Protein backbone atom coordinates (compact mmCIF):
# COMPACT_ATOMS: atom_id res chain seq x y z
CA MET A 1 124.32 172.74 104.66
CA GLN A 2 125.91 170.42 107.23
CA LYS A 3 126.72 172.16 110.51
CA LYS A 4 129.58 170.81 112.59
CA ALA A 5 127.94 171.25 115.98
CA LEU A 6 124.68 172.30 117.62
CA LYS A 7 123.72 174.03 120.86
CA VAL A 8 120.23 172.68 121.51
CA ASN A 9 119.03 175.25 124.04
CA PRO A 10 120.41 178.73 124.88
CA LYS A 11 120.72 177.65 128.54
CA ASP A 12 122.96 174.69 127.71
CA ASN A 13 126.63 174.54 128.64
CA VAL A 14 127.30 171.59 126.31
CA ILE A 15 127.31 171.43 122.51
CA VAL A 16 126.56 168.35 120.38
CA ALA A 17 129.06 167.35 117.71
CA LEU A 18 127.18 166.67 114.47
CA VAL A 19 130.33 165.40 112.77
CA ASP A 20 133.63 164.05 114.09
CA LEU A 21 135.73 166.89 115.54
CA ILE A 22 139.53 166.83 115.75
CA ALA A 23 141.59 167.94 118.75
CA GLY A 24 142.95 171.44 118.17
CA GLU A 25 140.22 172.29 115.67
CA THR A 26 138.37 175.59 116.19
CA ILE A 27 134.67 175.71 115.38
CA ILE A 28 132.05 178.43 115.59
CA VAL A 29 128.62 177.85 117.12
CA ASP A 30 126.14 180.73 117.48
CA GLN A 31 128.96 183.22 116.79
CA HIS A 32 131.14 181.84 119.58
CA GLU A 33 134.49 180.12 118.98
CA TYR A 34 135.43 176.85 120.63
CA LYS A 35 138.77 175.05 120.43
CA ILE A 36 138.27 171.28 120.64
CA VAL A 37 140.45 169.83 123.42
CA LYS A 38 140.14 166.13 122.54
CA ASN A 39 138.92 164.19 119.53
CA THR A 40 135.13 164.27 119.78
CA GLN A 41 133.03 161.80 117.81
CA ALA A 42 129.73 162.80 116.25
CA LYS A 43 126.83 162.51 118.74
CA HIS A 44 129.06 163.34 121.74
CA LYS A 45 129.25 166.67 123.60
CA PHE A 46 131.84 169.19 124.70
CA VAL A 47 131.46 171.96 127.28
CA THR A 48 131.12 175.65 126.47
CA GLU A 49 133.06 176.91 129.51
CA ASP A 50 135.52 175.81 132.16
CA LEU A 51 133.74 173.72 134.78
CA SER A 52 134.77 172.84 138.33
CA GLU A 53 133.91 169.75 140.32
CA GLY A 54 130.24 169.87 141.32
CA ASP A 55 129.16 172.25 138.54
CA LYS A 56 125.90 171.33 136.86
CA ILE A 57 125.66 170.15 133.24
CA TYR A 58 122.74 171.58 131.26
CA MET A 59 121.29 170.22 128.01
CA TYR A 60 117.85 170.83 126.49
CA GLY A 61 117.71 173.66 129.04
CA ILE A 62 117.61 171.35 132.09
CA ILE A 63 120.08 169.69 134.48
CA VAL A 64 121.36 166.41 133.01
CA GLY A 65 124.46 165.80 135.15
CA LYS A 66 127.23 167.23 137.27
CA ALA A 67 130.98 167.51 136.78
CA VAL A 68 132.99 165.20 139.04
CA THR A 69 136.34 166.64 137.94
CA GLN A 70 137.51 169.88 136.35
CA ILE A 71 136.49 170.08 132.66
CA ALA A 72 138.12 172.60 130.33
CA LYS A 73 136.19 174.64 127.79
CA GLY A 74 135.95 172.63 124.57
CA GLU A 75 136.60 169.31 126.37
CA LEU A 76 134.60 166.15 125.75
CA ILE A 77 132.25 165.01 128.53
CA THR A 78 132.38 161.31 129.43
CA THR A 79 131.27 158.90 132.14
CA GLU A 80 134.62 159.64 133.79
CA ASN A 81 134.11 163.39 134.27
CA VAL A 82 130.29 163.64 134.46
CA LYS A 83 127.73 161.75 136.56
CA HIS A 84 123.94 161.67 136.56
CA GLN A 85 122.06 164.44 138.34
CA SER A 86 118.53 165.74 137.92
CA ALA A 87 116.31 168.31 139.58
CA LYS A 88 114.01 167.13 142.37
CA VAL A 89 110.31 167.72 141.71
CA GLU A 90 107.61 167.78 144.38
CA ARG A 91 104.54 169.34 142.80
CA LYS A 92 103.03 171.20 139.88
CA THR A 93 104.37 174.75 139.97
CA ALA A 94 102.72 176.30 136.91
CA THR A 95 100.44 175.60 133.97
CA THR A 96 102.29 175.51 130.68
CA ALA A 97 100.65 177.36 127.81
CA TRP A 98 100.42 175.60 124.45
CA SER A 99 100.14 176.96 120.94
CA ALA A 100 98.69 174.26 118.71
CA PRO A 101 100.23 173.80 115.26
CA ASN A 102 98.26 174.61 112.12
CA VAL A 103 96.61 171.35 111.07
CA ASP A 104 94.41 172.52 108.18
CA LYS A 105 96.14 170.08 105.81
CA TRP A 106 95.31 167.12 108.07
CA LYS A 107 91.75 167.87 109.24
CA ASN A 108 90.01 166.06 106.39
CA LYS A 109 92.62 163.37 105.80
CA THR A 110 91.56 159.76 106.34
CA PHE A 111 93.08 156.29 106.54
CA SER A 112 91.43 153.02 105.58
CA GLY A 113 90.85 150.92 108.69
CA TYR A 114 88.74 148.23 110.33
CA HIS A 115 85.80 149.77 112.21
CA ARG A 116 84.79 148.10 115.48
CA GLU A 117 81.41 148.22 117.19
CA ASP A 118 82.80 150.19 120.14
CA GLY A 119 83.88 153.06 117.85
CA GLN A 120 87.56 152.20 117.67
CA VAL A 121 89.25 151.69 114.30
CA GLY A 122 91.98 149.14 113.69
CA THR A 123 94.93 149.47 111.35
CA GLU A 124 95.05 145.65 111.13
CA ASN A 125 92.47 142.85 111.42
CA VAL A 126 93.93 140.11 113.63
CA TRP A 127 92.56 136.90 115.10
CA LEU A 128 94.68 136.30 118.19
CA PHE A 129 95.56 133.03 119.92
CA PHE A 130 97.08 133.23 123.42
CA PRO A 131 97.41 131.25 126.67
CA LEU A 132 96.51 132.39 130.15
CA VAL A 133 99.45 130.38 131.51
CA PHE A 134 102.80 129.17 130.19
CA CYS A 135 101.64 125.53 130.56
CA GLU A 136 99.61 126.05 127.37
CA ASN A 137 102.51 127.40 125.29
CA ARG A 138 103.05 124.05 123.59
CA ASN A 139 99.42 123.85 122.49
CA ILE A 140 99.63 127.41 121.16
CA GLU A 141 102.74 126.43 119.18
CA ILE A 142 100.94 123.37 117.76
CA LEU A 143 98.02 125.55 116.69
CA LYS A 144 100.41 128.10 115.21
CA ASP A 145 102.02 125.43 113.06
CA ILE A 146 98.65 124.06 111.93
CA PHE A 147 97.00 127.38 111.08
CA GLU A 148 100.03 128.98 109.45
CA LYS A 149 100.65 125.97 107.21
CA GLU A 150 97.07 125.99 105.96
CA LEU A 151 96.15 129.68 105.97
CA LEU A 152 99.42 131.06 104.64
CA VAL A 153 101.63 129.41 102.06
CA GLU A 154 104.84 131.42 102.00
CA LYS A 155 107.83 131.40 99.74
CA THR A 156 110.71 129.49 101.28
CA SER A 157 113.17 131.85 103.00
CA LYS A 158 116.43 132.64 101.23
CA HIS A 159 118.35 131.16 104.15
CA GLN A 160 116.48 127.87 103.84
CA LEU A 161 117.12 127.94 100.09
CA LEU A 162 120.83 128.40 100.78
CA LEU A 163 120.91 125.32 103.00
CA ARG A 164 118.83 123.35 100.50
CA SER A 165 121.25 124.24 97.70
CA LEU A 166 124.19 123.07 99.81
CA ILE A 167 122.47 119.77 100.63
CA ASN A 168 121.51 119.15 96.99
CA ASN A 169 124.82 120.41 95.59
CA SER A 170 122.92 122.83 93.36
CA THR A 171 122.73 126.57 92.86
CA GLU A 172 120.25 128.71 94.78
CA ASP A 173 118.62 129.75 91.48
CA GLU A 174 117.96 126.11 90.57
CA VAL A 175 116.34 125.44 93.92
CA ASP A 176 114.33 128.69 93.77
CA ASN A 177 112.60 127.52 90.59
CA LEU A 178 110.68 125.02 92.68
CA ASN A 179 109.68 127.63 95.26
CA GLU A 180 105.97 128.32 95.73
CA GLU A 181 104.59 131.82 95.46
CA SER A 182 103.15 133.27 98.65
CA SER A 183 99.36 132.98 98.89
CA LYS A 184 96.72 133.54 101.57
CA VAL A 185 93.45 131.70 102.11
CA PHE A 186 91.89 134.77 103.76
CA LYS A 187 92.53 138.29 102.43
CA ASN A 188 91.18 140.45 105.28
CA ILE A 189 92.41 138.68 108.41
CA GLU A 190 95.78 137.81 109.94
CA VAL A 191 96.12 134.98 112.46
CA LYS A 192 98.68 135.67 115.19
CA PHE A 193 99.93 133.78 118.23
CA ILE A 194 101.28 134.87 121.61
CA THR A 195 103.21 132.83 124.16
CA HIS A 196 104.64 133.98 127.49
CA GLN A 197 106.14 132.71 130.75
CA GLY A 198 103.49 134.06 133.12
CA GLY A 199 100.09 133.23 134.57
CA CYS A 200 101.27 131.12 137.51
CA GLY A 201 104.24 130.39 139.74
CA GLY A 202 104.94 134.05 140.51
CA ILE A 203 103.17 136.57 142.69
CA ARG A 204 99.41 136.95 142.22
CA GLN A 205 99.81 140.61 141.29
CA ASP A 206 101.84 139.66 138.22
CA ALA A 207 99.19 137.16 137.15
CA GLU A 208 96.44 139.75 137.58
CA ALA A 209 98.45 142.32 135.64
CA LEU A 210 98.93 139.79 132.84
CA GLY A 211 95.16 139.26 132.78
CA ARG A 212 94.60 142.99 132.37
CA LEU A 213 97.28 143.18 129.68
CA LEU A 214 95.71 140.33 127.68
CA ALA A 215 92.29 141.93 128.09
CA GLY A 216 93.76 145.11 126.59
CA TYR A 217 94.99 143.09 123.63
CA VAL A 218 91.48 141.74 123.05
CA LYS A 219 90.03 145.27 123.26
CA ASN A 220 92.72 146.70 120.97
CA PRO A 221 91.03 147.86 117.73
CA ASN A 222 93.43 145.78 115.64
CA VAL A 223 92.01 142.55 117.12
CA ALA A 224 88.84 141.04 115.65
CA GLY A 225 88.57 138.26 118.22
CA ALA A 226 90.60 135.73 120.18
CA THR A 227 91.07 132.09 121.07
CA VAL A 228 92.17 131.73 124.70
CA LEU A 229 93.74 128.61 126.21
CA SER A 230 93.69 127.86 129.93
CA LEU A 231 95.06 124.91 131.87
CA GLY A 232 92.58 125.37 134.72
CA CYS A 233 94.52 125.45 137.99
CA GLN A 234 96.73 128.51 137.36
CA ASN A 235 96.74 131.85 139.20
CA LEU A 236 95.39 133.65 136.14
CA GLN A 237 91.97 132.04 136.16
CA VAL A 238 89.61 132.43 133.20
CA GLN A 239 87.26 134.50 135.36
CA VAL A 240 90.08 136.89 136.31
CA PHE A 241 90.73 137.48 132.60
CA LYS A 242 87.00 137.88 131.86
CA ASP A 243 86.57 140.34 134.74
CA ALA A 244 89.50 142.41 133.43
CA LEU A 245 87.96 142.48 129.95
CA ALA A 246 84.52 143.40 131.30
CA LYS A 247 86.03 146.34 133.18
CA ILE A 248 87.55 147.99 130.09
CA SER A 249 84.99 146.69 127.58
CA PRO A 250 81.66 146.11 129.37
CA ASP A 251 79.76 145.82 126.08
CA ASN A 252 82.31 143.61 124.32
CA LYS A 253 80.94 142.28 121.04
CA LYS A 254 84.07 140.48 119.89
CA THR A 255 84.03 136.69 119.76
CA ILE A 256 86.17 135.15 122.52
CA ILE A 257 86.69 131.38 122.36
CA VAL A 258 87.94 129.88 125.64
CA TYR A 259 89.17 126.31 126.12
CA GLU A 260 90.29 124.90 129.47
CA GLN A 261 92.44 121.78 129.16
CA GLN A 262 91.56 120.27 132.53
CA LYS A 263 87.90 120.28 131.43
CA SER A 264 88.53 119.13 127.85
CA GLY A 265 89.73 115.55 128.06
CA THR A 266 92.60 114.60 125.78
CA VAL A 267 94.79 117.09 123.94
CA ASP A 268 93.47 115.75 120.63
CA GLU A 269 89.87 116.34 121.67
CA MET A 270 90.66 119.86 122.81
CA LEU A 271 92.64 120.77 119.69
CA ASN A 272 89.89 119.42 117.43
CA GLY A 273 87.34 121.65 119.12
CA ILE A 274 89.64 124.70 119.06
CA ILE A 275 90.41 124.28 115.36
CA LYS A 276 86.74 123.91 114.36
CA ASP A 277 85.47 126.80 116.49
CA SER A 278 88.36 129.13 115.64
CA TYR A 279 88.12 128.47 111.90
CA GLU A 280 84.46 129.45 111.82
CA ALA A 281 85.17 132.64 113.78
CA ILE A 282 88.16 133.53 111.61
CA LYS A 283 86.08 133.00 108.48
CA LYS A 284 83.46 135.42 109.80
CA ALA A 285 86.10 138.00 110.85
CA ASN A 286 87.50 137.86 107.33
CA GLU A 287 84.26 139.47 106.10
CA ILE A 288 85.24 142.77 107.77
CA GLN A 289 86.75 145.16 105.23
CA ARG A 290 88.66 148.42 105.45
CA GLN A 291 86.63 151.64 105.38
CA PRO A 292 87.70 155.32 105.55
CA ALA A 293 88.28 156.74 109.04
CA PRO A 294 89.45 160.16 110.27
CA LEU A 295 93.03 160.46 111.52
CA SER A 296 91.61 161.16 114.98
CA LYS A 297 91.01 157.40 115.24
CA LEU A 298 94.76 156.78 115.30
CA VAL A 299 96.32 156.00 118.69
CA LEU A 300 100.08 156.37 118.33
CA GLY A 301 102.38 154.71 120.85
CA LEU A 302 105.61 156.71 121.26
CA GLU A 303 108.76 154.78 122.11
CA CYS A 304 112.54 154.77 121.62
CA GLY A 305 115.15 152.04 121.84
CA GLY A 306 118.80 151.74 120.92
CA SER A 307 118.95 155.53 121.25
CA ASP A 308 121.98 157.60 120.31
CA GLY A 309 123.24 161.15 120.72
CA PHE A 310 121.15 162.27 117.73
CA SER A 311 117.83 160.75 118.87
CA GLY A 312 116.91 163.78 120.98
CA ILE A 313 117.57 166.29 118.18
CA SER A 314 116.13 164.47 115.14
CA ALA A 315 113.84 161.44 115.48
CA ASN A 316 112.34 162.22 118.90
CA PRO A 317 111.43 165.87 118.15
CA VAL A 318 109.79 164.66 114.92
CA LEU A 319 107.55 162.41 117.02
CA GLY A 320 106.94 165.39 119.30
CA GLN A 321 105.72 167.48 116.39
CA LEU A 322 103.57 164.57 115.24
CA SER A 323 102.14 164.18 118.76
CA ASP A 324 101.18 167.86 118.74
CA ILE A 325 99.49 167.44 115.34
CA MET A 326 97.50 164.49 116.68
CA ALA A 327 96.44 166.46 119.75
CA ALA A 328 95.27 169.33 117.54
CA ILE A 329 93.09 167.08 115.34
CA GLY A 330 91.61 165.05 118.20
CA GLY A 331 93.83 162.00 117.87
CA SER A 332 95.73 160.25 120.66
CA THR A 333 99.33 159.54 121.63
CA LEU A 334 100.85 157.51 124.46
CA LEU A 335 104.25 158.57 125.83
CA SER A 336 105.82 155.67 127.75
CA GLU A 337 109.11 154.58 129.38
CA PHE A 338 108.98 156.25 132.81
CA PRO A 339 112.67 155.61 133.67
CA GLU A 340 113.45 157.73 130.62
CA LEU A 341 111.41 160.66 131.94
CA CYS A 342 113.70 161.06 134.96
CA GLY A 343 114.89 164.66 135.05
CA VAL A 344 112.04 166.13 133.01
CA GLU A 345 109.31 165.63 135.61
CA GLN A 346 108.79 169.35 136.27
CA GLU A 347 108.05 170.10 132.63
CA LEU A 348 105.65 167.16 132.42
CA VAL A 349 103.73 167.85 135.64
CA ASN A 350 103.30 171.47 134.59
CA ARG A 351 101.76 170.24 131.35
CA CYS A 352 99.18 168.05 133.14
CA VAL A 353 95.69 169.49 132.70
CA ASN A 354 94.81 168.87 136.34
CA GLU A 355 96.56 168.58 139.68
CA LYS A 356 95.41 165.00 140.27
CA ASP A 357 97.19 163.74 137.16
CA ALA A 358 100.34 165.64 138.11
CA GLU A 359 100.34 164.04 141.56
CA ARG A 360 99.70 160.60 140.12
CA PHE A 361 102.58 160.91 137.65
CA LEU A 362 105.01 161.90 140.40
CA GLN A 363 103.80 159.08 142.66
CA LEU A 364 104.17 156.49 139.89
CA MET A 365 107.68 157.75 139.21
CA LYS A 366 108.62 157.61 142.91
CA ASP A 367 107.15 154.12 143.39
CA PHE A 368 108.88 152.82 140.27
CA GLU A 369 112.25 154.23 141.29
CA ALA A 370 111.86 152.94 144.86
CA SER A 371 111.21 149.41 143.58
CA VAL A 372 114.28 149.62 141.35
CA VAL A 373 116.45 150.87 144.23
CA ALA A 374 115.12 148.07 146.43
CA ALA A 375 116.33 145.62 143.78
CA GLY A 376 119.84 147.10 144.04
CA SER A 377 119.73 149.35 140.97
CA GLY A 378 118.50 152.86 140.10
CA PHE A 379 117.29 155.06 137.27
CA ASP A 380 120.84 156.40 136.95
CA MET A 381 121.85 152.94 135.68
CA ASN A 382 119.40 153.15 132.77
CA PRO A 383 121.71 154.10 129.88
CA SER A 384 122.92 150.95 128.13
CA PRO A 385 126.51 150.45 126.92
CA GLY A 386 125.27 151.27 123.43
CA ASN A 387 123.64 154.49 124.61
CA ILE A 388 126.85 155.58 126.35
CA LYS A 389 129.05 154.70 123.41
CA ASP A 390 126.90 156.91 121.19
CA GLY A 391 126.79 159.95 123.43
CA LEU A 392 124.09 159.42 126.09
CA ILE A 393 126.21 159.31 129.23
CA THR A 394 123.62 160.03 131.97
CA ASP A 395 120.02 158.94 132.49
CA ALA A 396 118.86 162.56 132.69
CA MET A 397 120.53 163.34 129.35
CA LYS A 398 118.89 160.29 127.80
CA SER A 399 115.55 161.23 129.38
CA ALA A 400 115.63 164.83 128.23
CA GLY A 401 116.01 163.65 124.64
CA ALA A 402 113.49 160.81 125.03
CA ALA A 403 110.83 163.20 126.40
CA LYS A 404 110.95 165.15 123.14
CA LYS A 405 108.70 162.42 121.69
CA GLY A 406 105.84 163.93 123.68
CA GLY A 407 105.97 167.35 122.00
CA SER A 408 104.53 170.27 123.94
CA SER A 409 100.76 169.68 124.09
CA PRO A 410 98.86 169.39 127.40
CA ILE A 411 98.89 165.98 129.10
CA GLN A 412 95.30 164.80 129.21
CA ASP A 413 95.70 161.67 131.34
CA VAL A 414 98.25 159.62 133.29
CA LEU A 415 97.86 155.84 133.01
CA ASP A 416 99.40 153.07 135.05
CA TYR A 417 100.61 149.87 133.37
CA THR A 418 97.73 147.91 131.71
CA GLU A 419 95.25 150.80 131.98
CA TYR A 420 93.45 151.45 128.69
CA ILE A 421 93.46 154.85 127.02
CA LYS A 422 90.29 156.88 127.58
CA LYS A 423 91.06 160.43 126.49
CA PRO A 424 92.26 161.94 123.19
CA GLY A 425 95.44 163.99 123.17
CA LEU A 426 98.75 163.19 124.90
CA ASN A 427 98.68 160.51 127.61
CA LEU A 428 101.52 159.29 129.85
CA LEU A 429 101.74 155.50 130.29
CA CYS A 430 103.86 153.93 133.03
CA THR A 431 106.10 151.30 131.42
CA PRO A 432 109.73 150.28 131.69
CA GLY A 433 112.22 151.40 129.07
CA ASN A 434 112.87 147.80 127.98
CA ASP A 435 112.03 147.79 124.27
CA VAL A 436 109.73 144.77 124.04
CA GLU A 437 108.09 145.20 127.45
CA CYS A 438 107.28 148.79 126.50
CA THR A 439 105.91 147.94 123.05
CA THR A 440 103.86 145.13 124.61
CA ALA A 441 102.38 147.59 127.11
CA LEU A 442 101.59 150.29 124.52
CA VAL A 443 99.52 147.81 122.52
CA GLY A 444 97.73 146.58 125.65
CA SER A 445 96.72 150.17 126.40
CA GLY A 446 95.17 150.76 122.97
CA SER A 447 97.86 151.86 120.50
CA ASN A 448 96.99 150.86 116.94
CA ILE A 449 100.36 152.09 115.59
CA VAL A 450 103.68 152.19 117.48
CA LEU A 451 106.34 154.72 116.46
CA PHE A 452 109.76 153.49 117.55
CA THR A 453 112.77 155.78 117.21
CA THR A 454 116.28 154.34 117.22
CA GLY A 455 119.81 155.51 116.62
CA LEU A 456 121.53 152.14 116.84
CA GLY A 457 118.89 149.85 115.29
CA THR A 458 116.49 147.22 116.64
CA PRO A 459 114.26 144.55 115.03
CA THR A 460 111.49 144.90 117.64
CA GLY A 461 107.94 144.21 116.43
CA ASN A 462 104.52 143.18 117.76
CA PRO A 463 102.00 140.48 116.76
CA VAL A 464 99.02 142.85 116.73
CA VAL A 465 100.19 146.36 115.83
CA PRO A 466 102.56 147.73 113.16
CA VAL A 467 105.81 149.01 114.73
CA ILE A 468 107.39 151.72 112.56
CA LYS A 469 111.16 151.93 113.07
CA ILE A 470 112.39 155.54 112.72
CA ALA A 471 116.12 156.21 112.41
CA SER A 472 117.80 159.24 113.97
CA ASN A 473 120.61 159.20 111.39
CA THR A 474 121.14 158.30 107.75
CA ALA A 475 124.12 156.03 108.44
CA LEU A 476 121.82 153.63 110.31
CA VAL A 477 119.38 153.48 107.39
CA GLU A 478 122.21 152.67 105.02
CA LYS A 479 123.60 149.99 107.37
CA MET A 480 120.31 148.33 108.35
CA PRO A 481 117.76 148.96 105.57
CA ASP A 482 116.05 145.64 106.35
CA ILE A 483 114.77 146.82 109.76
CA ILE A 484 114.40 150.61 109.37
CA ASP A 485 111.20 152.11 107.94
CA PHE A 486 111.82 155.85 108.02
CA ASN A 487 114.78 158.23 108.12
CA THR A 488 115.03 161.53 110.03
CA GLY A 489 118.73 161.95 109.29
CA GLY A 490 118.04 164.86 106.94
CA ILE A 491 117.59 167.00 110.07
CA ILE A 492 121.15 166.24 111.20
CA SER A 493 122.60 167.00 107.75
CA GLY A 494 120.64 170.27 107.57
CA ASP A 495 118.69 169.22 104.48
CA LYS A 496 115.27 169.13 106.18
CA THR A 497 113.41 170.70 109.11
CA ILE A 498 111.63 168.88 111.93
CA ASN A 499 108.24 170.06 110.62
CA GLU A 500 108.97 168.84 107.09
CA VAL A 501 110.02 165.40 108.29
CA ALA A 502 107.01 165.15 110.64
CA ASP A 503 104.67 165.76 107.71
CA GLU A 504 106.48 163.10 105.66
CA LEU A 505 106.23 160.65 108.55
CA LEU A 506 102.49 161.21 108.96
CA GLU A 507 101.97 160.48 105.26
CA HIS A 508 103.97 157.27 105.75
CA ILE A 509 101.88 156.34 108.80
CA ILE A 510 98.65 156.78 106.82
CA LYS A 511 99.90 154.30 104.19
CA ILE A 512 100.80 151.73 106.86
CA ALA A 513 97.54 152.30 108.77
CA SER A 514 95.65 151.74 105.51
CA GLY A 515 97.45 148.49 104.72
CA GLU A 516 99.10 149.90 101.59
CA ILE A 517 102.59 149.00 102.84
CA LYS A 518 103.98 146.78 105.58
CA THR A 519 106.55 147.71 108.21
CA LYS A 520 109.91 145.97 108.14
CA ALA A 521 109.03 144.20 111.41
CA GLN A 522 105.87 142.80 109.79
CA ILE A 523 107.82 141.63 106.74
CA LEU A 524 110.31 139.92 109.06
CA ASN A 525 107.43 138.40 111.07
CA GLN A 526 108.90 139.95 114.23
CA ASN A 527 106.16 139.23 116.80
CA ASP A 528 107.56 140.14 120.22
CA PHE A 529 105.52 139.93 123.42
CA ILE A 530 106.98 140.26 126.93
CA PRO A 531 104.81 141.24 129.93
CA TRP A 532 106.43 143.47 132.55
CA LYS A 533 107.22 142.05 135.99
CA ARG A 534 107.12 145.26 137.96
CA GLY A 535 110.12 146.36 139.96
CA VAL A 536 112.44 144.03 138.07
CA SER A 537 112.90 145.83 134.76
CA LEU A 538 114.09 149.31 133.77
């Protein structure tokens, strides 16, 4: 049965509207009556008591803001009467106990994946082309055109058919009759291409970080091998990339084809060599076939984007339950987006298994925030206009809901940007909250599936790893079915529990990991890749 409102935590002094509430209406929440002062849209919050200027706002049981004016009981909170505030954290103060969920039903479950010699298992089998510097982007695009035309014959898009019908003064159905059916030369390998704007011209640290990121992409279990293009004179030298790969994969057995243009003569000569060498390697990689693997071989990247006021009470807690299941069966999860952990630091440091990780997390947070402040911004400026419009009016409020993706299991490791995952269980990964930069980083640190919650909708995808788009509300699924993969809106309507939806999501993940179904981002060929320039992006 649909409730009208929800108090998330007994300590809270705000209540979330689950449906639109009308001024003057009286509702009952947890046996207490509240008269709504102003029209309150679903996803927004009203206060449970009269507040004075300076009083703290609590949600999810923690401080998420402070009143800057008087706010009457039952009144809507907005950016006009509430500002960001969060508790200051200096150290680990306790060790949080954890009760693992019952995972008997998942212990013997498997997915069908691509086994690598280093023990990792991929959910996809990708041959990857990428440049070490933006100067080679054009050559990558030429190769993309050549390989895609020959290795994948696709049906003409409906939009191209529309234009063709207009040009030919015919109906779309008449034109469609001439359309070729999609076919693939190779059945077990995908060929993907990355371009970027880095590798030279900026600071050396950014070039080195890009080298580590690209090395992580090569090590990622979804990648069978790679063709790497270098100009020759750039900051990101071939040896810098090779050193980064050797550090995280000292016994690398994957084929890496490297071409340097300034050593290769003409473009034609270089492209001829690349095409011949890459084709032979792709043909060999196509021989790898899916085999059963335990669910513990899954590395799930946890991310949110286009969040709304329901994200923290539906989609994100579902990922949290799923993260706890993975921890209990020996699998791995990566919780990212450090600007969206502002305000929940104490809970997270107390969940770190050792003091060193707790200290490192706090230092990474402080350094990140300091760099943002130095650029004239701050974590408190994180919520986007879309977030605010849909009920997330402070960074701490947004963060408290975003952190729910990490569940309650112990934090096994804290990783800086471009570091590769080493330990099973829950890991923290320092990334910005920017959707594509974060997804890009999760894949570079070893995720073979990315779970992306959204309340407003986003088409974000990745060239190497399936990105599963998970809606916080049913209205979004109905509005954007072409980009949303999974719905958690049944939690908001009261039809399903978080545990029930988490189990359904894991079954869906297994199908995607096994290649039985494609994500909407894969169908749309949404292959986003943006490296993070540190200190510039939230």
